[in-house]
Amino acid sequence: MRQRLLKYPEVMGILSQQGRSEDGTDNEGVNMSETFVHLKPRDQWRSGWHKERLVDDMRTSLEEIPGVRFNFSQPIKDNVEEAVSGVRGKSC
């Protein structure tokens, strides 16, 4: 997954978190994985590329990996929605 995402020139770096925190605040199971993709500033993106196109292209690439579901979200949006509702934030 990381190798696929790093092929995009818009990606600056990737950080993955496996499992859940030990403080009891995460409602996910221990088999959960979160991947944070740090993007370059938009003025460094390829011409004609925007957030929706990048997410759609990444989703298409990642859906080729069997047995895994992907959710694209912003970290702060995701954290707030989880804290308020106890469920995962809406994917974009």
Protein backbone atom coordinates (compact mmCIF):
# COMPACT_ATOMS: atom_id res chain seq x y z
CA MET A 1 0.00 0.00 0.00
CA ARG A 2 2.76 2.42 0.95
CA GLN A 3 4.67 1.63 -2.24
CA ARG A 4 1.59 2.34 -4.35
CA LEU A 5 0.95 5.69 -2.66
CA LEU A 6 4.59 6.79 -2.83
CA LYS A 7 4.45 6.53 -6.64
CA TYR A 8 2.32 9.69 -6.72
CA PRO A 9 4.54 12.77 -7.16
CA GLU A 10 2.09 14.76 -4.98
CA VAL A 11 2.98 12.59 -1.95
CA MET A 12 5.71 13.91 0.32
CA GLY A 13 5.66 11.07 2.85
CA ILE A 14 3.58 8.39 4.53
CA LEU A 15 3.14 7.40 8.17
CA SER A 16 1.31 4.22 9.21
CA GLN A 17 -0.21 3.39 12.59
CA GLN A 18 -0.99 -0.24 13.35
CA GLY A 19 -3.49 -1.32 15.99
CA ARG A 20 -5.10 1.04 18.47
CA SER A 21 -3.89 3.24 21.26
CA GLU A 22 -3.56 1.78 24.74
CA ASP A 23 -5.46 4.61 26.45
CA GLY A 24 -8.88 3.12 25.64
CA THR A 25 -10.08 6.06 23.54
CA ASP A 26 -10.06 4.27 20.19
CA ASN A 27 -13.18 2.33 19.21
CA GLU A 28 -11.38 0.24 16.59
CA GLY A 29 -10.03 -3.27 16.96
CA VAL A 30 -6.37 -4.21 17.21
CA ASN A 31 -6.30 -5.24 13.53
CA MET A 32 -6.96 -1.65 12.37
CA SER A 33 -4.36 0.28 10.40
CA GLU A 34 -4.30 4.00 9.67
CA THR A 35 -2.11 5.52 7.02
CA PHE A 36 -1.46 9.23 6.94
CA VAL A 37 -0.38 10.63 3.59
CA HIS A 38 1.50 13.92 3.74
CA LEU A 39 0.97 15.80 0.50
CA LYS A 40 3.16 18.43 -1.09
CA PRO A 41 1.79 21.98 -1.40
CA ARG A 42 -0.73 22.18 -4.25
CA ASP A 43 1.46 24.45 -6.33
CA GLN A 44 3.83 21.46 -6.64
CA TRP A 45 1.16 19.07 -7.96
CA ARG A 46 0.94 17.97 -11.57
CA SER A 47 -1.00 20.24 -13.87
CA GLY A 48 -4.71 19.39 -13.93
CA TRP A 49 -4.62 17.42 -10.69
CA HIS A 50 -6.85 18.34 -7.74
CA LYS A 51 -7.81 16.64 -4.48
CA GLU A 52 -10.80 14.73 -5.89
CA ARG A 53 -8.80 13.40 -8.83
CA LEU A 54 -5.90 12.37 -6.60
CA VAL A 55 -8.18 10.58 -4.10
CA ASP A 56 -10.09 8.82 -6.90
CA ASP A 57 -6.87 7.65 -8.52
CA MET A 58 -5.40 6.48 -5.20
CA ARG A 59 -8.63 4.65 -4.34
CA THR A 60 -8.61 2.85 -7.71
CA SER A 61 -5.01 1.78 -7.16
CA LEU A 62 -5.60 0.60 -3.59
CA GLU A 63 -8.81 -1.31 -4.41
CA GLU A 64 -6.62 -3.77 -6.31
CA ILE A 65 -5.38 -5.03 -2.92
CA PRO A 66 -7.76 -7.84 -1.87
CA GLY A 67 -9.41 -7.96 1.56
CA VAL A 68 -8.84 -4.35 2.57
CA ARG A 69 -11.29 -1.42 2.74
CA PHE A 70 -10.02 2.13 2.49
CA ASN A 71 -11.49 5.34 3.88
CA PHE A 72 -10.12 8.73 2.81
CA SER A 73 -10.57 11.55 5.31
CA GLN A 74 -8.83 14.48 6.96
CA PRO A 75 -7.20 13.56 10.32
CA ILE A 76 -8.88 16.32 12.36
CA LYS A 77 -12.31 15.66 10.78
CA ASP A 78 -11.90 11.96 11.42
CA ASN A 79 -10.87 12.48 15.07
CA VAL A 80 -13.72 14.88 15.85
CA GLU A 81 -16.38 12.69 14.24
CA GLU A 82 -15.09 9.60 16.06
CA ALA A 83 -15.03 11.42 19.40
CA VAL A 84 -18.57 12.75 18.98
CA SER A 85 -20.27 9.70 17.50
CA GLY A 86 -18.04 6.74 18.25
CA VAL A 87 -18.02 5.74 14.57
CA ARG A 88 -15.57 6.29 11.72
CA GLY A 89 -15.69 9.59 9.86
CA LYS A 90 -17.33 9.78 6.44
CA SER A 91 -15.05 9.00 3.54
CA CYS A 92 -14.53 11.53 0.81
